[in-house]
Each structure stands twice: as structure tokens, then as C-alpha cells.
Amino acid sequence: MTITEKAKTTLREYLYNYPIITIMTVIFANAMVMYATFQVFNNMTEVTTEIAACYATLFGFPGVAYGFYQWRMGQQEKRIKKEAEVEIVKASPDGLE
């Protein structure tokens, strides 16, 4: 296993074990868009092309954060399903279904 693969595995485990990180990412992304919207519409005369491009880019962050959250919830569903299968095998008298 390379260092990059090990880092990816460690990051996935960390994100999976601490769901608050994914929730905070979604909240932070939405807060950034909300704050930027306030700033843009508060100073309409000072909006340049660069500011408009940055503002448009910000709208991608909540979508990415929500996709990240959905991935996290999908991982949790897989874990619950796997644990249920293990319990079924343990509950059967001969260890087989």
C-alpha cells in the first residue's frame, strides 16, 4: 500500500467515525453562500467581474458538501446492513442460514 492509498484510507475512516465533520461541512458551505449573497447584494455598485466569478463559484460548494454528506450516509447504511447480516449468521444454530 502506498502512502497516498494509506492516507485516503485513513481519511475515509476518520470521516466515517466522526459524522459531525460532514454535517459541519454542509453548514459551513451554506453559510459561505449566504454571507457572500449578503455581501454582493449589499454593495451592488462595487461588484466586478472577478467578484461575480467568485460568487458563482461559491454556488458549487453546497452541492459538493451535500454529495459528501450523502456519501457518508450511504457508508453508514452499508455498515448497518453488514452488522445485521453478521447478527443473522450468529443467531442461526449452525452458523449458516
Protein backbone atom coordinates (compact mmCIF):
# COMPACT_ATOMS: atom_id res chain seq x y z
CA MET A 1 0.00 0.00 0.00
CA THR A 2 1.42 3.38 -0.98
CA ILE A 3 1.43 6.43 1.24
CA THR A 4 -1.34 8.02 -0.83
CA GLU A 5 -3.59 4.96 -0.52
CA LYS A 6 -2.92 4.79 3.22
CA ALA A 7 -3.75 8.48 3.60
CA LYS A 8 -7.01 8.04 1.66
CA THR A 9 -7.97 5.05 3.80
CA THR A 10 -7.16 6.92 6.99
CA LEU A 11 -9.14 9.97 5.86
CA ARG A 12 -12.16 7.84 4.94
CA GLU A 13 -12.07 6.08 8.31
CA TYR A 14 -11.75 9.40 10.13
CA LEU A 15 -14.64 10.95 8.21
CA TYR A 16 -16.73 7.83 8.75
CA ASN A 17 -16.08 7.70 12.50
CA TYR A 18 -16.86 11.40 13.05
CA PRO A 19 -20.11 12.34 11.29
CA ILE A 20 -20.06 15.84 12.77
CA ILE A 21 -17.37 16.74 10.22
CA THR A 22 -19.70 16.11 7.29
CA ILE A 23 -22.55 17.98 8.96
CA MET A 24 -20.30 20.95 9.72
CA THR A 25 -19.06 20.94 6.12
CA VAL A 26 -22.62 21.27 4.82
CA ILE A 27 -23.40 24.05 7.31
CA PHE A 28 -20.18 25.90 6.51
CA ALA A 29 -20.75 25.72 2.74
CA ASN A 30 -24.28 27.08 3.10
CA ALA A 31 -23.09 29.81 5.46
CA MET A 32 -20.43 30.88 2.94
CA VAL A 33 -23.03 31.21 0.19
CA MET A 34 -25.37 33.10 2.50
CA TYR A 35 -22.65 35.53 3.58
CA ALA A 36 -21.45 36.07 0.00
CA THR A 37 -25.01 36.72 -1.15
CA PHE A 38 -25.41 39.33 1.55
CA GLN A 39 -22.12 41.00 0.62
CA VAL A 40 -22.88 41.03 -3.12
CA PHE A 41 -26.38 42.45 -2.75
CA ASN A 42 -25.30 44.87 -0.03
CA ASN A 43 -22.75 46.55 -2.35
CA MET A 44 -24.21 46.15 -5.83
CA THR A 45 -22.26 49.07 -7.27
CA GLU A 46 -18.89 47.53 -6.35
CA VAL A 47 -19.43 44.13 -7.99
CA THR A 48 -16.69 43.48 -10.54
CA THR A 49 -16.26 40.59 -12.95
CA GLU A 50 -13.88 38.86 -10.54
CA ILE A 51 -16.33 39.13 -7.66
CA ALA A 52 -19.14 37.80 -9.85
CA ALA A 53 -16.97 34.82 -10.88
CA CYS A 54 -16.11 34.06 -7.24
CA TYR A 55 -19.74 34.40 -6.26
CA ALA A 56 -20.81 31.97 -9.00
CA THR A 57 -18.11 29.51 -7.90
CA LEU A 58 -19.43 29.53 -4.34
CA PHE A 59 -22.69 28.01 -5.51
CA GLY A 60 -20.87 24.76 -6.26
CA PHE A 61 -19.74 24.26 -2.67
CA PRO A 62 -23.12 23.37 -1.12
CA GLY A 63 -23.68 20.77 -3.85
CA VAL A 64 -20.28 19.20 -3.21
CA ALA A 65 -20.86 19.29 0.55
CA TYR A 66 -24.27 17.67 0.16
CA GLY A 67 -22.77 14.95 -2.05
CA PHE A 68 -20.15 14.40 0.63
CA TYR A 69 -22.95 14.09 3.21
CA GLN A 70 -24.84 11.59 1.03
CA TRP A 71 -21.66 9.52 0.65
CA ARG A 72 -21.30 9.48 4.43
CA MET A 73 -24.88 8.37 4.96
CA GLY A 74 -24.51 5.66 2.30
CA GLN A 75 -21.46 4.33 4.13
CA GLN A 76 -23.46 4.23 7.35
CA GLU A 77 -26.28 2.28 5.67
CA LYS A 78 -23.77 -0.26 4.33
CA ARG A 79 -22.33 -0.69 7.82
CA ILE A 80 -25.76 -1.21 9.39
CA LYS A 81 -26.66 -3.75 6.71
CA LYS A 82 -23.39 -5.61 7.22
CA GLU A 83 -23.87 -5.69 11.00
CA ALA A 84 -27.40 -7.06 10.53
CA GLU A 85 -26.06 -9.86 8.31
CA VAL A 86 -23.45 -10.74 10.93
CA GLU A 87 -26.14 -10.91 13.62
CA ILE A 88 -28.25 -13.25 11.45
CA VAL A 89 -25.31 -15.60 11.00
CA LYS A 90 -24.56 -15.54 14.74
CA ALA A 91 -28.21 -16.20 15.57
CA SER A 92 -28.51 -19.34 13.43
CA PRO A 93 -27.74 -22.57 15.31
CA ASP A 94 -25.16 -23.97 12.90
CA GLY A 95 -23.73 -20.60 11.77
CA LEU A 96 -25.36 -20.90 8.37
CA GLU A 97 -28.64 -19.52 7.08
